[in-house]
Amino acid sequence: MKGRVYILPLVLLLSFPLVSGCSENVKQPAVAGAFYPADAGVLRTTVDAYLAAAPGPAADHGRLITLIAPHAGYEYSGQVAAFSYRHLEERSVETVILIGPSHYASISGASVYAEGALATPLGIVKVNKRIARSLINEQAQVAFNPAAFEKEHSLEVQLPFLQRTLKNFTVVPILIGNPTREMFQHLSEKLTAVLRSDPKTIIIASTDLSHYHDYGTAVNMDKRSTDAVARMSLEDLEGLFISGGGEMCGSYPVLLAMMVARSMGATQGELYRYANSGDVTGDRGRVVGYAAMGLYKSALSEQNKKFLLDLAKRTIKDYIETGRTPDPKIADPRLLANGATFVTINRNRMLRGCIGNIEPLMPLYRSVIQNAVSACSRDPRFPPMKKDELRDIDVEVTVLSPLEPLADVKDLRVGTHGLFIVKGNASGILLPQVATEYGWDALTFLEEVSQKAGLPRDAWKGKDAKLYIYTAEIIKQSR
């Protein structure tokens, strides 16, 4: 059983009659009859039954950017996979970026299937050749290697679920082998650009979780992994893989999908369903874990905003008066997910401190705590605050979106965008509300951010200057 679930080469190379007059090259299914039913009627009934047993979305979490689904034999992981695919129903999705691990072929970097179509017993799914070919870059070790897909099941088993939940769609199949830094950077940038340009595109990362541990060990390991994904913490998830505290056979596809989702502004993940093979077979000695998850971009609720602002105020007060900081018990996944914030303190309408981080390296609520402490005590422009100043301050929390390269300064929108500049070892950032407060136009904003970095006012014009924009949710309340 375990071999068929994971990587042993139990594959059947079958040919099915295709319901299409298209003469394009069609890759035939490799694992029909092994990982899922080869008969079209049985397969349709099987997938529909899994979907019917999985609940639909209970709440609107915002834009769904990525799904994570398992890829074992349907009898073991099909029901878990259905929990992910139920979230595709009634969504307007036209392109699916499928990313999975290569189990059989040794690939340096990644292989993109860039032509024709892929077949299952339910028919064919066309490849989005335009997008697929745009990803190929030999220098970044992203190539079209059709042989890598011949026996591979990690993407193929996703297709029948897509065929039963979406109407007219195309796919971009990507297999990850031995990755390189150049490959990750290239694909993350390219895929982010694709998703930014088309809201009807989604990523699906294919992975199983821990392999062949006892039931209790597997559950604990998998919980650590799914928690890291839900918190959008690439750093923690990668750390788990390095230390052995977590396992995914599709670790690189998931990390890549998370990189893109985070660049797209994904704010949290949701675990729809977790199970392992022991839940199906009753054998709890050596199990394989499966998870269905979604990564979302959502705005802060009014309750979230009030909590974060109150937390910043309380942190400043507690730290100045006692040297300690609050330790709140947080259950809201939006606040537990990693985020980037700035905390600004004004005293009598004059700046008294402003410190933040631009990368989401810690839970959102903890970012507020850390930056509130820094704003009141470690801003190099001001001495640490005293107790008698507390009654005269206003506090503001700014939650940042991910940085996005500014390709053309004409795209800079004063009042909406914040600015970040990097030139050599110098860097500087200005929040979007600063330009509004001072009444700057776009040119002045560019000059001021250059000066903030300790550079000449026209430094932003240099070819070696890198400009980034971002948006922000600004939370403020008069004292």
Protein backbone atom coordinates (compact mmCIF):
# COMPACT_ATOMS: atom_id res chain seq x y z
CA MET A 1 0.00 0.00 0.00
CA LYS A 2 2.62 2.51 1.03
CA GLY A 3 4.62 2.10 -2.19
CA ARG A 4 1.60 2.86 -4.32
CA VAL A 5 0.78 5.89 -2.22
CA TYR A 6 4.15 7.48 -2.62
CA ILE A 7 7.04 6.81 -4.91
CA LEU A 8 7.38 3.20 -5.99
CA PRO A 9 6.98 2.93 -9.75
CA LEU A 10 3.58 1.24 -9.84
CA VAL A 11 2.34 2.94 -13.00
CA LEU A 12 0.27 1.83 -15.96
CA LEU A 13 0.95 3.52 -19.29
CA LEU A 14 -2.53 3.44 -20.78
CA SER A 15 -4.01 4.96 -23.89
CA PHE A 16 -7.54 6.32 -23.90
CA PRO A 17 -9.69 7.50 -26.81
CA LEU A 18 -9.81 11.27 -26.75
CA VAL A 19 -12.98 13.28 -27.26
CA SER A 20 -11.26 15.92 -29.37
CA GLY A 21 -10.40 16.52 -32.98
CA CYS A 22 -7.32 18.46 -31.95
CA SER A 23 -4.12 17.25 -33.57
CA GLU A 24 -1.88 18.70 -30.86
CA ASN A 25 0.45 16.40 -28.95
CA VAL A 26 -1.45 14.89 -26.04
CA LYS A 27 0.35 13.29 -23.12
CA GLN A 28 -1.42 10.08 -22.17
CA PRO A 29 -2.16 9.30 -18.50
CA ALA A 30 0.50 7.34 -16.67
CA VAL A 31 -1.20 6.28 -13.44
CA ALA A 32 -4.86 5.72 -14.40
CA GLY A 33 -5.79 2.33 -13.03
CA ALA A 34 -3.19 2.64 -10.28
CA PHE A 35 -3.63 5.94 -8.44
CA TYR A 36 -7.19 6.52 -9.64
CA PRO A 37 -9.83 4.61 -11.67
CA ALA A 38 -9.14 4.06 -15.35
CA ASP A 39 -12.81 3.85 -16.29
CA ALA A 40 -14.27 7.29 -17.03
CA GLY A 41 -17.63 6.55 -15.42
CA VAL A 42 -16.11 5.11 -12.27
CA LEU A 43 -13.63 7.98 -12.04
CA ARG A 44 -16.38 10.58 -12.43
CA THR A 45 -18.51 8.92 -9.76
CA THR A 46 -15.53 8.56 -7.42
CA VAL A 47 -14.42 12.18 -7.66
CA ASP A 48 -17.98 13.50 -7.37
CA ALA A 49 -18.54 11.41 -4.23
CA TYR A 50 -15.38 12.83 -2.65
CA LEU A 51 -16.48 16.36 -3.49
CA ALA A 52 -19.98 15.80 -2.16
CA ALA A 53 -18.56 14.64 1.17
CA ALA A 54 -16.38 17.74 1.55
CA PRO A 55 -17.97 20.94 2.87
CA GLY A 56 -17.85 24.08 0.79
CA PRO A 57 -16.39 27.40 1.96
CA ALA A 58 -17.80 28.38 5.35
CA ALA A 59 -16.67 32.01 5.10
CA ASP A 60 -15.20 34.47 2.63
CA HIS A 61 -11.50 34.76 3.44
CA GLY A 62 -10.70 37.05 0.52
CA ARG A 63 -8.85 36.20 -2.68
CA LEU A 64 -7.81 32.57 -2.89
CA ILE A 65 -4.29 32.55 -4.32
CA THR A 66 -3.03 29.02 -3.72
CA LEU A 67 -4.39 25.58 -2.93
CA ILE A 68 -2.36 22.73 -1.49
CA ALA A 69 -3.54 19.19 -2.21
CA PRO A 70 -2.11 15.68 -1.71
CA HIS A 71 -1.18 13.33 -4.52
CA ALA A 72 -1.37 9.78 -3.19
CA GLY A 73 -3.69 7.12 -4.53
CA TYR A 74 -7.29 8.30 -4.36
CA GLU A 75 -8.32 5.60 -1.90
CA TYR A 76 -5.87 7.08 0.59
CA SER A 77 -5.84 10.84 -0.05
CA GLY A 78 -8.69 11.50 -2.47
CA GLN A 79 -11.11 12.58 0.22
CA VAL A 80 -8.59 15.03 1.68
CA ALA A 81 -7.85 16.44 -1.79
CA ALA A 82 -11.58 17.05 -2.29
CA PHE A 83 -11.55 19.50 0.64
CA SER A 84 -9.22 21.72 -1.40
CA TYR A 85 -11.07 21.37 -4.68
CA ARG A 86 -14.44 22.20 -3.16
CA HIS A 87 -13.05 25.71 -2.78
CA LEU A 88 -12.66 25.99 -6.55
CA GLU A 89 -16.30 25.37 -7.29
CA GLU A 90 -18.18 28.48 -8.38
CA ARG A 91 -14.91 30.43 -8.64
CA SER A 92 -13.97 32.10 -11.89
CA VAL A 93 -10.67 30.32 -12.52
CA GLU A 94 -9.36 30.00 -16.07
CA THR A 95 -5.69 29.10 -15.58
CA VAL A 96 -4.21 26.68 -13.05
CA ILE A 97 -0.48 26.68 -12.32
CA LEU A 98 0.22 23.11 -11.17
CA ILE A 99 3.47 22.69 -9.22
CA GLY A 100 4.61 19.30 -7.98
CA PRO A 101 7.73 17.30 -7.13
CA SER A 102 9.47 15.01 -9.59
CA HIS A 103 9.44 11.52 -8.08
CA TYR A 104 10.99 9.58 -10.96
CA ALA A 105 13.09 11.82 -13.19
CA SER A 106 16.21 13.56 -11.98
CA ILE A 107 15.78 17.23 -12.88
CA SER A 108 18.23 20.05 -12.35
CA GLY A 109 15.95 22.96 -11.53
CA ALA A 110 12.46 22.67 -12.95
CA SER A 111 10.64 21.36 -16.00
CA VAL A 112 7.61 23.13 -17.50
CA TYR A 113 5.30 21.21 -19.80
CA ALA A 114 4.95 23.75 -22.57
CA GLU A 115 2.89 22.26 -25.38
CA GLY A 116 -0.19 20.26 -26.29
CA ALA A 117 -2.48 18.81 -23.65
CA LEU A 118 -2.69 16.28 -20.83
CA ALA A 119 -5.18 13.41 -20.90
CA THR A 120 -7.15 11.63 -18.22
CA PRO A 121 -10.03 9.17 -18.69
CA LEU A 122 -12.33 12.21 -18.42
CA GLY A 123 -10.83 13.89 -21.49
CA ILE A 124 -8.02 16.31 -22.20
CA VAL A 125 -6.80 19.45 -20.46
CA LYS A 126 -5.01 21.95 -22.64
CA VAL A 127 -1.69 23.47 -21.63
CA ASN A 128 -1.52 27.25 -21.56
CA LYS A 129 1.38 27.44 -23.97
CA ARG A 130 1.76 31.22 -23.77
CA ILE A 131 2.36 31.22 -20.02
CA ALA A 132 4.29 27.95 -19.97
CA ARG A 133 6.76 29.08 -22.63
CA SER A 134 7.22 32.44 -20.90
CA LEU A 135 8.58 30.60 -17.84
CA ILE A 136 11.33 28.72 -19.67
CA ASN A 137 14.79 30.08 -19.03
CA GLU A 138 17.80 27.83 -19.55
CA GLN A 139 20.10 30.04 -17.46
CA ALA A 140 17.72 29.70 -14.49
CA GLN A 141 17.50 25.94 -15.17
CA VAL A 142 13.83 26.06 -16.11
CA ALA A 143 13.39 23.93 -19.22
CA PHE A 144 10.85 21.88 -21.16
CA ASN A 145 11.72 18.26 -20.48
CA PRO A 146 8.75 16.12 -21.57
CA ALA A 147 10.39 12.91 -20.37
CA ALA A 148 10.20 14.14 -16.77
CA PHE A 149 6.39 13.98 -16.97
CA GLU A 150 6.06 10.53 -18.52
CA LYS A 151 5.67 8.51 -15.31
CA GLU A 152 4.96 11.35 -12.88
CA HIS A 153 1.79 11.19 -10.78
CA SER A 154 2.06 14.31 -8.59
CA LEU A 155 0.35 16.55 -11.15
CA GLU A 156 -1.68 13.98 -13.05
CA VAL A 157 -3.80 12.99 -10.03
CA GLN A 158 -4.92 16.63 -9.67
CA LEU A 159 -6.43 16.77 -13.16
CA PRO A 160 -9.66 14.77 -12.61
CA PHE A 161 -10.52 16.98 -9.63
CA LEU A 162 -9.99 20.05 -11.79
CA GLN A 163 -12.10 18.57 -14.56
CA ARG A 164 -14.99 18.05 -12.14
CA THR A 165 -14.81 21.48 -10.47
CA LEU A 166 -13.90 23.89 -13.31
CA LYS A 167 -15.45 24.48 -16.71
CA ASN A 168 -13.12 26.00 -19.29
CA PHE A 169 -9.56 26.12 -18.03
CA THR A 170 -5.96 25.53 -19.03
CA VAL A 171 -2.99 24.36 -16.98
CA VAL A 172 0.68 25.18 -16.65
CA PRO A 173 2.37 22.01 -15.31
CA ILE A 174 5.65 22.51 -13.45
CA LEU A 175 7.80 19.78 -11.92
CA ILE A 176 10.51 20.71 -9.40
CA GLY A 177 13.61 18.56 -9.13
CA ASN A 178 16.88 19.66 -7.56
CA PRO A 179 16.24 23.39 -7.17
CA THR A 180 18.65 26.28 -7.45
CA ARG A 181 18.43 29.79 -6.07
CA GLU A 182 18.24 31.11 -9.63
CA MET A 183 15.32 28.81 -10.41
CA PHE A 184 13.38 29.90 -7.33
CA GLN A 185 13.97 33.58 -8.03
CA HIS A 186 13.07 33.28 -11.70
CA LEU A 187 9.89 31.26 -11.19
CA SER A 188 8.70 33.26 -8.20
CA GLU A 189 9.07 36.54 -10.10
CA LYS A 190 7.49 35.20 -13.29
CA LEU A 191 4.57 33.50 -11.54
CA THR A 192 3.93 36.56 -9.38
CA ALA A 193 3.71 38.66 -12.54
CA VAL A 194 1.27 36.16 -14.06
CA LEU A 195 -1.01 36.25 -11.03
CA ARG A 196 -0.84 40.04 -10.78
CA SER A 197 -1.94 40.39 -14.38
CA ASP A 198 -4.76 37.85 -14.19
CA PRO A 199 -6.99 37.37 -11.12
CA LYS A 200 -8.47 34.28 -12.78
CA THR A 201 -5.22 32.37 -12.34
CA ILE A 202 -4.51 30.19 -9.31
CA ILE A 203 -1.62 28.03 -8.09
CA ILE A 204 -2.06 24.46 -6.87
CA ALA A 205 0.90 22.92 -5.03
CA SER A 206 0.95 19.13 -4.90
CA THR A 207 2.43 17.43 -1.85
CA ASP A 208 2.03 14.73 0.74
CA LEU A 209 3.33 15.35 4.25
CA SER A 210 5.40 13.12 6.57
CA HIS A 211 6.25 9.58 5.47
CA TYR A 212 6.36 6.29 7.35
CA HIS A 213 6.33 7.43 10.97
CA ASP A 214 4.00 6.08 13.59
CA TYR A 215 0.62 7.79 13.83
CA GLY A 216 1.38 10.06 16.79
CA THR A 217 4.74 11.19 15.45
CA ALA A 218 3.24 11.91 12.04
CA VAL A 219 0.39 13.98 13.47
CA ASN A 220 2.79 16.11 15.52
CA MET A 221 5.20 16.62 12.63
CA ASP A 222 2.44 17.47 10.20
CA LYS A 223 0.83 19.93 12.61
CA ARG A 224 4.09 21.86 12.80
CA SER A 225 4.26 22.00 8.99
CA THR A 226 0.64 23.02 8.42
CA ASP A 227 0.88 25.62 11.20
CA ALA A 228 3.90 27.19 9.46
CA VAL A 229 2.00 27.28 6.15
CA ALA A 230 -1.07 28.80 7.84
CA ARG A 231 1.15 31.53 9.31
CA MET A 232 2.70 32.13 5.87
CA SER A 233 6.10 31.58 7.46
CA LEU A 234 8.48 30.43 4.76
CA GLU A 235 11.31 30.75 7.24
CA ASP A 236 9.77 28.43 9.83
CA LEU A 237 8.69 25.89 7.23
CA GLU A 238 12.13 25.74 5.66
CA GLY A 239 13.62 25.44 9.14
CA LEU A 240 11.40 22.44 9.84
CA PHE A 241 12.57 20.73 6.66
CA ILE A 242 16.23 21.39 7.49
CA SER A 243 15.92 20.17 11.09
CA GLY A 244 13.72 17.18 10.27
CA GLY A 245 10.90 18.58 12.39
CA GLY A 246 8.60 18.50 9.37
CA GLU A 247 8.42 16.65 6.08
CA MET A 248 6.82 17.15 2.67
CA CYS A 249 7.70 15.26 -0.46
CA GLY A 250 6.60 18.42 -2.27
CA SER A 251 8.55 20.73 -0.01
CA TYR A 252 10.03 22.81 -2.84
CA PRO A 253 6.72 23.18 -4.72
CA VAL A 254 5.05 24.35 -1.50
CA LEU A 255 7.86 26.79 -0.70
CA LEU A 256 7.70 28.19 -4.24
CA ALA A 257 3.91 28.50 -4.08
CA MET A 258 4.19 30.27 -0.73
CA MET A 259 6.82 32.66 -2.08
CA VAL A 260 4.49 33.66 -4.89
CA ALA A 261 1.47 33.86 -2.58
CA ARG A 262 3.37 36.06 -0.15
CA SER A 263 4.49 38.33 -3.00
CA MET A 264 0.83 38.53 -3.97
CA GLY A 265 -0.03 39.73 -0.47
CA ALA A 266 -1.37 36.47 0.94
CA THR A 267 -2.13 37.14 4.58
CA GLN A 268 -2.93 33.72 6.00
CA GLY A 269 -3.48 30.06 5.24
CA GLU A 270 -6.37 27.85 6.21
CA LEU A 271 -6.21 24.12 6.92
CA TYR A 272 -9.34 22.60 5.43
CA ARG A 273 -8.57 19.00 6.31
CA TYR A 274 -5.81 16.82 7.68
CA ALA A 275 -5.66 13.02 7.73
CA ASN A 276 -3.14 10.29 7.15
CA SER A 277 -3.16 6.83 5.67
CA GLY A 278 -3.70 5.34 9.14
CA ASP A 279 -7.13 6.97 9.22
CA VAL A 280 -8.05 5.02 6.08
CA THR A 281 -6.36 1.65 6.56
CA GLY A 282 -6.30 1.38 10.35
CA ASP A 283 -2.56 0.63 10.18
CA ARG A 284 -1.02 3.26 12.45
CA GLY A 285 2.51 1.89 12.46
CA ARG A 286 3.86 3.60 9.31
CA VAL A 287 1.64 6.32 7.90
CA VAL A 288 1.72 9.04 5.24
CA GLY A 289 0.22 12.45 6.01
CA TYR A 290 -2.10 14.49 3.79
CA ALA A 291 -3.37 18.07 4.04
CA ALA A 292 -5.80 20.27 2.12
CA MET A 293 -5.06 23.97 2.53
CA GLY A 294 -5.71 27.38 0.97
CA LEU A 295 -3.67 30.59 1.05
CA TYR A 296 -5.67 33.82 1.04
CA LYS A 297 -5.25 37.56 0.73
CA SER A 298 -7.69 39.31 3.03
CA ALA A 299 -8.09 42.74 4.56
CA LEU A 300 -8.00 43.28 8.30
CA SER A 301 -11.39 43.28 9.98
CA GLU A 302 -12.41 46.25 12.12
CA GLN A 303 -11.95 44.00 15.13
CA ASN A 304 -8.42 43.16 13.98
CA LYS A 305 -7.60 46.82 13.54
CA LYS A 306 -8.89 47.78 16.97
CA PHE A 307 -6.93 44.95 18.57
CA LEU A 308 -3.65 45.92 16.87
CA LEU A 309 -3.99 49.59 17.74
CA ASP A 310 -4.86 48.80 21.36
CA LEU A 311 -1.96 46.35 21.49
CA ALA A 312 0.48 49.00 20.27
CA LYS A 313 -0.75 51.50 22.85
CA ARG A 314 -0.64 48.97 25.66
CA THR A 315 2.84 47.81 24.65
CA ILE A 316 4.22 51.36 24.74
CA LYS A 317 2.63 52.06 28.12
CA ASP A 318 3.71 48.76 29.69
CA TYR A 319 7.25 48.97 28.35
CA ILE A 320 7.84 52.55 29.50
CA GLU A 321 6.30 51.95 32.92
CA THR A 322 7.53 48.41 33.70
CA GLY A 323 10.03 47.36 31.04
CA ARG A 324 7.74 44.45 30.12
CA THR A 325 5.52 43.83 27.10
CA PRO A 326 2.09 42.20 26.79
CA ASP A 327 1.80 38.48 26.06
CA PRO A 328 -1.66 38.15 24.52
CA LYS A 329 -3.22 34.80 23.71
CA ILE A 330 -4.02 34.93 20.02
CA ALA A 331 -6.37 32.59 18.16
CA ASP A 332 -7.23 34.65 15.07
CA PRO A 333 -5.27 33.22 12.10
CA ARG A 334 -5.05 36.66 10.48
CA LEU A 335 -3.10 37.96 13.48
CA LEU A 336 -1.00 34.81 13.85
CA ALA A 337 0.17 34.91 10.24
CA ASN A 338 3.42 36.72 9.52
CA GLY A 339 3.11 40.40 8.71
CA ALA A 340 5.12 43.59 8.25
CA THR A 341 4.23 46.68 10.25
CA PHE A 342 5.34 50.14 11.29
CA VAL A 343 4.37 51.76 14.57
CA THR A 344 4.33 55.57 14.60
CA ILE A 345 4.16 57.72 17.73
CA ASN A 346 3.22 61.40 17.53
CA ARG A 347 3.39 63.75 20.52
CA ASN A 348 1.46 66.97 20.28
CA ARG A 349 1.18 66.32 16.53
CA MET A 350 4.95 66.05 16.14
CA LEU A 351 6.75 62.84 15.25
CA ARG A 352 8.13 61.14 18.37
CA GLY A 353 9.16 57.77 16.96
CA CYS A 354 8.55 55.51 13.97
CA ILE A 355 10.07 52.05 13.52
CA GLY A 356 9.00 49.05 11.47
CA ASN A 357 9.92 46.09 9.35
CA ILE A 358 9.28 45.68 5.64
CA GLU A 359 9.48 41.87 5.45
CA PRO A 360 6.86 39.61 7.12
CA LEU A 361 9.26 37.71 9.36
CA MET A 362 7.06 37.24 12.44
CA PRO A 363 3.39 36.99 13.38
CA LEU A 364 1.51 40.21 12.74
CA TYR A 365 0.65 40.83 16.38
CA ARG A 366 4.26 40.24 17.43
CA SER A 367 5.51 42.62 14.76
CA VAL A 368 3.32 45.31 16.35
CA ILE A 369 4.71 44.56 19.82
CA GLN A 370 8.32 44.64 18.65
CA ASN A 371 7.93 47.82 16.63
CA ALA A 372 5.97 49.58 19.38
CA VAL A 373 8.87 48.96 21.76
CA SER A 374 11.39 50.17 19.18
CA ALA A 375 9.36 53.26 18.29
CA CYS A 376 9.22 54.45 21.90
CA SER A 377 12.76 53.54 22.92
CA ARG A 378 15.09 52.83 19.98
CA ASP A 379 14.39 55.34 17.25
CA PRO A 380 17.88 56.87 16.77
CA ARG A 381 16.35 60.28 16.02
CA PHE A 382 14.85 60.62 19.50
CA PRO A 383 15.72 59.84 23.12
CA PRO A 384 13.70 57.05 24.81
CA MET A 385 10.27 58.18 25.88
CA LYS A 386 9.50 59.05 29.52
CA LYS A 387 6.41 58.23 31.57
CA ASP A 388 5.21 61.83 31.59
CA GLU A 389 4.97 61.79 27.79
CA LEU A 390 2.38 59.02 27.67
CA ARG A 391 -0.59 61.33 28.16
CA ASP A 392 0.34 63.43 25.11
CA ILE A 393 0.83 60.76 22.44
CA ASP A 394 -1.13 59.44 19.51
CA VAL A 395 -0.26 56.00 18.12
CA GLU A 396 -0.62 54.73 14.57
CA VAL A 397 -0.12 51.21 13.19
CA THR A 398 0.62 50.68 9.51
CA VAL A 399 0.32 47.17 8.05
CA LEU A 400 2.34 46.86 4.85
CA SER A 401 1.64 44.89 1.71
CA PRO A 402 4.56 43.10 0.01
CA LEU A 403 7.03 45.22 -1.92
CA GLU A 404 6.52 45.39 -5.67
CA PRO A 405 9.19 46.66 -8.10
CA LEU A 406 8.28 50.05 -9.56
CA ALA A 407 8.97 49.58 -13.25
CA ASP A 408 7.82 53.05 -14.29
CA VAL A 409 7.61 56.08 -11.98
CA LYS A 410 4.45 57.06 -13.86
CA ASP A 411 2.78 54.19 -12.00
CA LEU A 412 3.49 55.78 -8.60
CA ARG A 413 0.23 56.87 -6.96
CA VAL A 414 0.73 59.43 -4.21
CA GLY A 415 -1.57 58.74 -1.28
CA THR A 416 -1.85 55.06 -2.18
CA HIS A 417 1.71 53.85 -2.49
CA GLY A 418 4.57 53.89 -0.06
CA LEU A 419 8.12 54.01 -1.42
CA PHE A 420 11.26 52.00 -0.72
CA ILE A 421 14.59 52.72 -2.39
CA VAL A 422 17.78 50.63 -2.45
CA LYS A 423 21.04 51.87 -3.95
CA GLY A 424 24.26 50.10 -3.06
CA ASN A 425 24.28 49.67 0.70
CA ALA A 426 21.86 52.54 1.26
CA SER A 427 18.11 52.15 1.63
CA GLY A 428 15.19 54.23 2.78
CA ILE A 429 11.46 53.88 3.18
CA LEU A 430 8.55 56.31 3.46
CA LEU A 431 5.01 55.34 4.39
CA PRO A 432 2.19 56.30 2.00
CA GLN A 433 0.57 58.65 4.54
CA VAL A 434 3.74 60.75 4.77
CA ALA A 435 3.35 62.08 1.23
CA THR A 436 -0.28 62.92 1.95
CA GLU A 437 0.48 64.69 5.23
CA TYR A 438 3.11 66.92 3.62
CA GLY A 439 1.22 67.47 0.36
CA TRP A 440 4.00 66.10 -1.85
CA ASP A 441 3.63 65.34 -5.51
CA ALA A 442 5.21 62.23 -7.06
CA LEU A 443 8.52 63.95 -7.86
CA THR A 444 8.90 65.31 -4.34
CA PHE A 445 8.04 61.90 -2.92
CA LEU A 446 10.83 60.30 -4.98
CA GLU A 447 13.29 62.98 -3.89
CA GLU A 448 12.34 62.69 -0.24
CA VAL A 449 12.72 58.90 -0.15
CA SER A 450 16.17 59.32 -1.72
CA GLN A 451 17.14 61.73 1.04
CA LYS A 452 15.67 59.39 3.66
CA ALA A 453 18.21 56.80 2.43
CA GLY A 454 21.01 59.34 2.88
CA LEU A 455 21.34 59.76 -0.87
CA PRO A 456 21.20 62.83 -3.14
CA ARG A 457 17.67 63.99 -3.98
CA ASP A 458 17.99 62.78 -7.58
CA ALA A 459 19.42 59.37 -6.65
CA TRP A 460 16.16 57.66 -7.66
CA LYS A 461 17.00 58.42 -11.31
CA GLY A 462 20.14 56.30 -11.28
CA LYS A 463 20.15 53.02 -13.18
CA ASP A 464 21.54 51.28 -10.11
CA ALA A 465 18.71 52.56 -7.89
CA LYS A 466 15.96 50.05 -7.22
CA LEU A 467 12.53 51.43 -6.42
CA TYR A 468 9.69 49.50 -4.83
CA ILE A 469 6.10 50.43 -4.03
CA TYR A 470 3.65 48.98 -1.55
CA THR A 471 0.24 49.74 -0.13
CA ALA A 472 -0.75 49.84 3.52
CA GLU A 473 -3.64 49.55 5.92
CA ILE A 474 -3.31 52.54 8.26
CA ILE A 475 -4.85 52.18 11.71
CA LYS A 476 -5.08 55.29 13.82
CA GLN A 477 -7.26 56.86 16.47
CA SER A 478 -6.95 60.11 18.34
CA ARG A 479 -6.12 59.77 22.01
